[in-house]
């Protein structure tokens, strides 16, 4: 085997070992061992209409099950006012296809205004649960 091949193989092996030991981030999604709601955040499942100050955090816990066909997601009518900050997800178990995970969507109030925030659960293509919040963002 050539020296370059050995070094590149060693580099890949070391990268994999480091990667496995750390939380993984992809865009706004952060894979972690135990996703927890942010301290002081407002739970959007437990509110209907809410007023937030710029920079204030809100969240909802979600779950996904590929084998059962359950997905929880959201729609924001105006992402200039209120937007997704992070999607913390449980690290997937290796070897599982269509597995499930628990997660926490974390949102931030961006600028003054009003927006509709819609949470839904999709079970095999049918909306089986929905919750709507009117979110008003005000100056600090």
N, C-alpha and C. Protein backbone atom coordinates (compact mmCIF):
# COMPACT_ATOMS: atom_id res chain seq x y z
N UNK A 1 0.84 -1.18 0.00
CA UNK A 1 0.00 0.00 0.00
C UNK A 1 0.89 1.24 0.00
N UNK A 2 0.50 2.26 -0.73
CA UNK A 2 1.27 3.49 -0.80
C UNK A 2 1.16 4.29 0.48
N UNK A 3 2.14 5.14 0.72
CA UNK A 3 2.16 5.98 1.91
C UNK A 3 0.95 6.91 1.96
N UNK A 4 0.59 7.50 0.83
CA UNK A 4 -0.57 8.41 0.75
C UNK A 4 -1.87 7.68 1.09
N UNK A 5 -1.99 6.44 0.64
CA UNK A 5 -3.19 5.66 0.94
C UNK A 5 -3.33 5.34 2.42
N UNK A 6 -2.20 5.04 3.05
CA UNK A 6 -2.21 4.74 4.49
C UNK A 6 -2.57 5.99 5.27
N UNK A 7 -1.98 7.12 4.90
CA UNK A 7 -2.26 8.37 5.62
C UNK A 7 -3.71 8.81 5.45
N UNK A 8 -4.24 8.69 4.24
CA UNK A 8 -5.63 9.10 4.03
C UNK A 8 -6.58 8.15 4.76
N UNK A 9 -6.26 6.87 4.80
CA UNK A 9 -7.08 5.91 5.54
C UNK A 9 -7.05 6.19 7.03
N UNK A 10 -5.87 6.53 7.55
CA UNK A 10 -5.72 6.86 8.96
C UNK A 10 -6.49 8.13 9.29
N UNK A 11 -6.44 9.12 8.41
CA UNK A 11 -7.18 10.37 8.61
C UNK A 11 -8.68 10.10 8.68
N UNK A 12 -9.19 9.28 7.79
CA UNK A 12 -10.61 8.95 7.77
C UNK A 12 -11.01 8.23 9.05
N UNK A 13 -10.20 7.28 9.50
CA UNK A 13 -10.49 6.54 10.73
C UNK A 13 -10.53 7.48 11.94
N UNK A 14 -9.55 8.36 12.04
CA UNK A 14 -9.53 9.31 13.17
C UNK A 14 -10.74 10.24 13.10
N UNK A 15 -11.10 10.70 11.92
CA UNK A 15 -12.26 11.58 11.75
C UNK A 15 -13.54 10.88 12.20
N UNK A 16 -13.70 9.62 11.86
CA UNK A 16 -14.89 8.86 12.25
C UNK A 16 -14.96 8.72 13.76
N UNK A 17 -13.85 8.41 14.41
CA UNK A 17 -13.83 8.27 15.86
C UNK A 17 -14.20 9.58 16.53
N UNK A 18 -13.65 10.70 16.06
CA UNK A 18 -13.98 12.01 16.63
C UNK A 18 -15.44 12.33 16.38
N UNK A 19 -15.93 12.07 15.17
CA UNK A 19 -17.31 12.35 14.80
C UNK A 19 -18.30 11.60 15.68
N UNK A 20 -18.06 10.35 15.97
CA UNK A 20 -18.97 9.54 16.76
C UNK A 20 -19.06 10.06 18.18
N UNK A 21 -18.01 10.62 18.72
CA UNK A 21 -18.00 11.08 20.09
C UNK A 21 -18.61 12.45 20.30
N UNK A 22 -19.03 13.14 19.27
CA UNK A 22 -19.53 14.51 19.39
C UNK A 22 -20.98 14.61 18.95
N UNK A 23 -21.64 15.69 19.44
CA UNK A 23 -22.95 16.02 18.89
C UNK A 23 -22.73 16.41 17.43
N UNK A 24 -23.70 16.12 16.59
CA UNK A 24 -23.55 16.38 15.16
C UNK A 24 -24.54 17.47 14.76
N UNK A 25 -24.08 18.45 13.99
CA UNK A 25 -24.94 19.54 13.54
C UNK A 25 -25.04 19.51 12.03
N UNK A 26 -26.27 19.60 11.52
CA UNK A 26 -26.52 19.70 10.08
C UNK A 26 -27.49 20.85 9.88
N UNK A 27 -27.02 21.99 9.42
CA UNK A 27 -27.88 23.16 9.28
C UNK A 27 -28.37 23.59 10.65
N UNK A 28 -29.67 23.65 10.83
CA UNK A 28 -30.25 24.01 12.12
C UNK A 28 -30.50 22.79 12.99
N UNK A 29 -30.24 21.58 12.47
CA UNK A 29 -30.48 20.35 13.21
C UNK A 29 -29.23 19.96 13.99
N UNK A 30 -29.43 19.71 15.28
CA UNK A 30 -28.34 19.28 16.15
C UNK A 30 -28.70 17.91 16.71
N UNK A 31 -27.90 16.90 16.41
CA UNK A 31 -28.15 15.55 16.93
C UNK A 31 -27.42 15.43 18.27
N UNK A 32 -28.13 15.05 19.30
CA UNK A 32 -27.57 14.97 20.64
C UNK A 32 -28.17 13.77 21.36
N UNK A 33 -27.51 13.32 22.42
CA UNK A 33 -27.97 12.14 23.15
C UNK A 33 -29.29 12.38 23.88
N UNK A 34 -29.51 13.59 24.37
CA UNK A 34 -30.70 13.86 25.17
C UNK A 34 -31.22 15.26 24.89
N UNK A 35 -32.09 15.43 23.88
CA UNK A 35 -32.62 16.77 23.60
C UNK A 35 -33.57 17.22 24.71
N UNK A 36 -33.32 18.39 25.25
CA UNK A 36 -34.18 18.94 26.32
C UNK A 36 -34.64 20.33 25.93
N UNK A 37 -35.82 20.73 26.41
CA UNK A 37 -36.31 22.08 26.13
C UNK A 37 -35.39 23.13 26.76
N UNK A 38 -35.29 24.31 26.15
CA UNK A 38 -34.43 25.36 26.70
C UNK A 38 -35.02 25.92 27.99
N UNK A 39 -34.15 26.19 28.96
CA UNK A 39 -34.60 26.76 30.23
C UNK A 39 -35.21 28.14 29.97
N UNK A 40 -36.38 28.37 30.53
CA UNK A 40 -37.05 29.66 30.37
C UNK A 40 -37.83 29.83 29.08
N UNK A 41 -37.77 28.83 28.19
CA UNK A 41 -38.51 28.91 26.93
C UNK A 41 -40.00 28.70 27.15
N UNK A 42 -40.81 29.22 26.25
CA UNK A 42 -42.26 29.08 26.32
C UNK A 42 -42.67 27.87 25.49
N UNK A 43 -43.44 26.96 26.12
CA UNK A 43 -43.90 25.74 25.46
C UNK A 43 -45.10 26.07 24.57
N UNK A 44 -44.94 25.97 23.26
CA UNK A 44 -45.99 26.34 22.32
C UNK A 44 -47.15 25.36 22.30
N UNK A 45 -46.95 24.13 22.81
CA UNK A 45 -48.06 23.18 22.92
C UNK A 45 -49.01 23.59 24.03
N UNK A 46 -48.53 24.33 25.02
CA UNK A 46 -49.34 24.66 26.19
C UNK A 46 -49.90 26.08 26.14
N UNK A 47 -49.75 26.77 25.02
CA UNK A 47 -50.27 28.12 24.87
C UNK A 47 -51.14 28.18 23.63
N UNK A 48 -51.99 29.17 23.58
CA UNK A 48 -52.77 29.41 22.37
C UNK A 48 -52.26 30.66 21.66
N UNK A 49 -52.42 31.80 22.29
CA UNK A 49 -51.88 33.04 21.75
C UNK A 49 -50.83 33.52 22.72
N UNK A 50 -49.72 34.01 22.19
CA UNK A 50 -48.62 34.39 23.07
C UNK A 50 -47.96 35.67 22.56
N UNK A 51 -47.51 36.48 23.50
CA UNK A 51 -46.76 37.69 23.19
C UNK A 51 -45.32 37.47 23.64
N UNK A 52 -44.38 37.71 22.73
CA UNK A 52 -42.96 37.51 23.01
C UNK A 52 -42.20 38.80 22.77
N UNK A 53 -41.09 38.96 23.48
CA UNK A 53 -40.18 40.08 23.24
C UNK A 53 -39.12 39.62 22.25
N UNK A 54 -38.56 40.57 21.49
CA UNK A 54 -37.51 40.23 20.54
C UNK A 54 -36.40 39.47 21.27
N UNK A 55 -35.97 38.36 20.69
CA UNK A 55 -34.92 37.53 21.28
C UNK A 55 -35.44 36.45 22.21
N UNK A 56 -36.72 36.51 22.58
CA UNK A 56 -37.28 35.51 23.49
C UNK A 56 -37.41 34.17 22.76
N UNK A 57 -37.28 33.08 23.53
CA UNK A 57 -37.26 31.73 22.98
C UNK A 57 -38.56 30.99 23.30
N UNK A 58 -39.02 30.21 22.33
CA UNK A 58 -40.18 29.32 22.50
C UNK A 58 -39.80 27.98 21.88
N UNK A 59 -40.56 26.94 22.21
CA UNK A 59 -40.21 25.60 21.72
C UNK A 59 -41.43 24.70 21.71
N UNK A 60 -41.30 23.57 21.04
CA UNK A 60 -42.21 22.44 21.28
C UNK A 60 -41.44 21.15 21.05
N UNK A 61 -41.78 20.14 21.86
CA UNK A 61 -41.16 18.84 21.74
C UNK A 61 -41.91 18.05 20.66
N UNK A 62 -41.17 17.32 19.86
CA UNK A 62 -41.79 16.57 18.76
C UNK A 62 -41.24 15.15 18.73
N UNK A 63 -41.95 14.31 18.00
CA UNK A 63 -41.47 12.94 17.81
C UNK A 63 -41.69 12.52 16.36
N UNK A 64 -40.90 11.54 15.96
CA UNK A 64 -40.96 11.01 14.61
C UNK A 64 -40.83 9.50 14.71
N UNK A 65 -41.65 8.80 13.96
CA UNK A 65 -41.54 7.35 13.89
C UNK A 65 -41.71 6.94 12.44
N UNK A 66 -40.61 6.61 11.79
CA UNK A 66 -40.65 6.24 10.38
C UNK A 66 -41.39 4.94 10.13
N UNK A 67 -41.24 3.97 11.02
CA UNK A 67 -41.88 2.68 10.80
C UNK A 67 -43.39 2.76 11.00
N UNK A 68 -43.84 3.61 11.90
CA UNK A 68 -45.28 3.77 12.14
C UNK A 68 -45.87 4.79 11.17
N UNK A 69 -45.07 5.76 10.77
CA UNK A 69 -45.55 6.79 9.85
C UNK A 69 -46.07 8.02 10.55
N UNK A 70 -45.47 8.41 11.68
CA UNK A 70 -45.89 9.58 12.44
C UNK A 70 -44.82 10.65 12.35
N UNK A 71 -45.23 11.87 12.03
CA UNK A 71 -44.33 13.00 11.94
C UNK A 71 -45.02 14.22 12.54
N UNK A 72 -44.34 14.95 13.40
CA UNK A 72 -44.85 16.23 13.89
C UNK A 72 -44.01 17.32 13.27
N UNK A 73 -44.68 18.37 12.80
CA UNK A 73 -43.97 19.45 12.13
C UNK A 73 -44.72 20.76 12.37
N UNK A 74 -44.31 21.82 11.71
CA UNK A 74 -44.90 23.13 11.94
C UNK A 74 -44.86 23.97 10.67
N UNK A 75 -45.67 25.03 10.68
CA UNK A 75 -45.67 26.04 9.62
C UNK A 75 -45.73 27.39 10.31
N UNK A 76 -44.89 28.33 9.87
CA UNK A 76 -44.89 29.70 10.38
C UNK A 76 -45.29 30.61 9.22
N UNK A 77 -46.31 31.46 9.43
CA UNK A 77 -46.77 32.30 8.33
C UNK A 77 -45.81 33.44 8.01
N UNK A 78 -45.04 33.92 8.99
CA UNK A 78 -44.10 35.01 8.73
C UNK A 78 -42.79 34.74 9.49
N UNK A 79 -41.81 34.20 8.80
CA UNK A 79 -40.55 33.83 9.44
C UNK A 79 -39.65 35.05 9.68
N UNK A 80 -40.03 36.22 9.22
CA UNK A 80 -39.29 37.43 9.57
C UNK A 80 -39.58 37.83 11.02
N UNK A 81 -40.75 37.46 11.52
CA UNK A 81 -41.19 37.80 12.89
C UNK A 81 -40.74 36.73 13.88
N UNK A 82 -40.88 35.47 13.51
CA UNK A 82 -40.65 34.33 14.41
C UNK A 82 -40.09 33.20 13.56
N UNK A 83 -38.94 32.63 13.96
CA UNK A 83 -38.30 31.64 13.09
C UNK A 83 -37.63 30.53 13.89
N UNK A 84 -37.43 29.40 13.21
CA UNK A 84 -36.73 28.26 13.80
C UNK A 84 -35.28 28.66 14.07
N UNK A 85 -34.82 28.37 15.28
CA UNK A 85 -33.43 28.63 15.67
C UNK A 85 -32.63 27.33 15.63
N UNK A 86 -33.19 26.25 16.22
CA UNK A 86 -32.53 24.93 16.22
C UNK A 86 -33.58 23.82 16.26
N UNK A 87 -33.19 22.68 15.75
CA UNK A 87 -33.98 21.45 15.85
C UNK A 87 -33.08 20.42 16.52
N UNK A 88 -33.26 20.25 17.84
CA UNK A 88 -32.46 19.29 18.58
C UNK A 88 -33.11 17.92 18.45
N UNK A 89 -32.35 16.93 17.99
CA UNK A 89 -32.89 15.59 17.80
C UNK A 89 -32.03 14.55 18.50
N UNK A 90 -32.70 13.52 18.96
CA UNK A 90 -32.01 12.40 19.59
C UNK A 90 -31.14 11.72 18.54
N UNK A 91 -29.95 11.32 18.93
CA UNK A 91 -29.07 10.60 18.01
C UNK A 91 -29.76 9.32 17.56
N UNK A 92 -29.78 9.05 16.26
CA UNK A 92 -30.42 7.81 15.79
C UNK A 92 -29.63 6.59 16.24
N UNK A 93 -30.36 5.52 16.52
CA UNK A 93 -29.71 4.26 16.87
C UNK A 93 -29.18 3.64 15.59
N UNK A 94 -27.93 3.27 15.60
CA UNK A 94 -27.33 2.71 14.39
C UNK A 94 -28.00 1.39 14.03
N UNK A 95 -28.14 1.17 12.77
CA UNK A 95 -28.70 -0.09 12.30
C UNK A 95 -30.21 -0.11 12.19
N UNK A 96 -30.89 0.91 12.71
CA UNK A 96 -32.35 0.93 12.63
C UNK A 96 -32.79 1.67 11.37
N UNK A 97 -33.64 1.06 10.62
CA UNK A 97 -34.24 1.70 9.46
C UNK A 97 -35.67 2.02 9.82
N UNK A 98 -36.07 3.25 9.60
CA UNK A 98 -37.43 3.65 9.95
C UNK A 98 -37.62 3.78 11.45
N UNK A 99 -36.55 4.04 12.17
CA UNK A 99 -36.62 4.16 13.62
C UNK A 99 -37.34 5.43 14.05
N UNK A 100 -37.36 5.66 15.34
CA UNK A 100 -38.04 6.84 15.87
C UNK A 100 -37.07 7.67 16.69
N UNK A 101 -37.45 8.92 16.92
CA UNK A 101 -36.63 9.78 17.76
C UNK A 101 -37.50 10.84 18.40
N UNK A 102 -36.97 11.43 19.45
CA UNK A 102 -37.59 12.54 20.17
C UNK A 102 -36.77 13.78 19.84
N UNK A 103 -37.42 14.92 19.77
CA UNK A 103 -36.68 16.15 19.47
C UNK A 103 -37.34 17.37 20.07
N UNK A 104 -36.67 18.49 19.96
CA UNK A 104 -37.18 19.77 20.44
C UNK A 104 -36.90 20.82 19.36
N UNK A 105 -37.98 21.42 18.82
CA UNK A 105 -37.84 22.56 17.92
C UNK A 105 -37.73 23.80 18.79
N UNK A 106 -36.70 24.62 18.56
CA UNK A 106 -36.49 25.86 19.32
C UNK A 106 -36.62 27.04 18.36
N UNK A 107 -37.41 28.03 18.76
CA UNK A 107 -37.71 29.19 17.92
C UNK A 107 -37.29 30.48 18.63
N UNK A 108 -37.08 31.53 17.84
CA UNK A 108 -36.70 32.82 18.40
C UNK A 108 -37.58 33.92 17.81
N UNK A 109 -38.02 34.85 18.68
CA UNK A 109 -38.74 36.04 18.23
C UNK A 109 -37.74 36.98 17.58
N UNK A 110 -37.96 37.35 16.32
CA UNK A 110 -36.97 38.09 15.54
C UNK A 110 -37.22 39.60 15.48
N UNK A 111 -38.45 39.99 15.15
CA UNK A 111 -38.75 41.41 15.00
C UNK A 111 -40.23 41.64 15.30
N UNK A 112 -40.60 42.90 15.63
CA UNK A 112 -42.00 43.17 15.97
C UNK A 112 -42.95 42.80 14.83
N UNK A 113 -44.08 42.22 15.21
CA UNK A 113 -45.09 41.82 14.24
C UNK A 113 -45.92 40.68 14.78
N UNK A 114 -46.78 40.16 13.92
CA UNK A 114 -47.67 39.07 14.29
C UNK A 114 -47.56 37.97 13.26
N UNK A 115 -47.62 36.73 13.71
CA UNK A 115 -47.55 35.58 12.81
C UNK A 115 -48.40 34.44 13.35
N UNK A 116 -48.89 33.62 12.47
CA UNK A 116 -49.58 32.38 12.87
C UNK A 116 -48.55 31.27 12.93
N UNK A 117 -48.66 30.46 13.95
CA UNK A 117 -47.77 29.31 14.13
C UNK A 117 -48.65 28.08 14.23
N UNK A 118 -48.46 27.14 13.31
CA UNK A 118 -49.33 25.98 13.19
C UNK A 118 -48.51 24.71 13.42
N UNK A 119 -48.89 23.92 14.43
CA UNK A 119 -48.27 22.63 14.72
C UNK A 119 -49.21 21.54 14.23
N UNK A 120 -48.66 20.53 13.56
CA UNK A 120 -49.53 19.43 13.11
C UNK A 120 -48.82 18.09 13.26
N UNK A 121 -49.63 17.05 13.34
CA UNK A 121 -49.11 15.69 13.34
C UNK A 121 -49.65 15.00 12.11
N UNK A 122 -48.76 14.41 11.36
CA UNK A 122 -49.11 13.70 10.14
C UNK A 122 -48.95 12.21 10.42
N UNK A 123 -50.05 11.47 10.31
CA UNK A 123 -50.02 10.02 10.48
C UNK A 123 -50.34 9.38 9.14
N UNK A 124 -49.30 8.89 8.48
CA UNK A 124 -49.43 8.22 7.18
C UNK A 124 -50.20 9.06 6.16
N UNK A 125 -49.86 10.36 6.12
CA UNK A 125 -50.46 11.25 5.14
C UNK A 125 -51.74 11.93 5.57
N UNK A 126 -52.23 11.64 6.77
CA UNK A 126 -53.46 12.26 7.27
C UNK A 126 -53.11 13.12 8.48
N UNK A 127 -53.58 14.38 8.48
CA UNK A 127 -53.35 15.27 9.62
C UNK A 127 -54.28 14.82 10.75
N UNK A 128 -53.68 14.35 11.85
CA UNK A 128 -54.47 13.80 12.95
C UNK A 128 -54.49 14.70 14.17
N UNK A 129 -53.62 15.71 14.21
CA UNK A 129 -53.57 16.63 15.34
C UNK A 129 -53.11 17.97 14.83
N UNK A 130 -53.70 19.01 15.38
CA UNK A 130 -53.25 20.34 15.01
C UNK A 130 -53.45 21.31 16.17
N UNK A 131 -52.58 22.29 16.22
CA UNK A 131 -52.63 23.31 17.27
C UNK A 131 -52.13 24.61 16.64
N UNK A 132 -52.88 25.69 16.84
CA UNK A 132 -52.52 26.97 16.24
C UNK A 132 -52.28 28.01 17.32
N UNK A 133 -51.21 28.78 17.15
CA UNK A 133 -50.89 29.89 18.04
C UNK A 133 -50.84 31.17 17.21
N UNK A 134 -51.37 32.25 17.78
CA UNK A 134 -51.14 33.57 17.22
C UNK A 134 -49.99 34.15 18.04
N UNK A 135 -48.87 34.44 17.39
CA UNK A 135 -47.69 34.92 18.09
C UNK A 135 -47.47 36.39 17.74
N UNK A 136 -47.41 37.23 18.77
CA UNK A 136 -47.14 38.64 18.61
C UNK A 136 -45.78 38.93 19.22
N UNK A 137 -44.90 39.54 18.43
CA UNK A 137 -43.57 39.90 18.91
C UNK A 137 -43.54 41.40 19.10
N UNK A 138 -43.07 41.81 20.29
CA UNK A 138 -42.99 43.24 20.63
C UNK A 138 -41.54 43.60 20.94
N UNK A 139 -41.26 44.91 20.97
CA UNK A 139 -39.92 45.40 21.35
C UNK A 139 -39.59 44.93 22.76
N UNK A 140 -38.32 44.92 23.11
CA UNK A 140 -37.90 44.51 24.44
C UNK A 140 -38.39 45.47 25.50
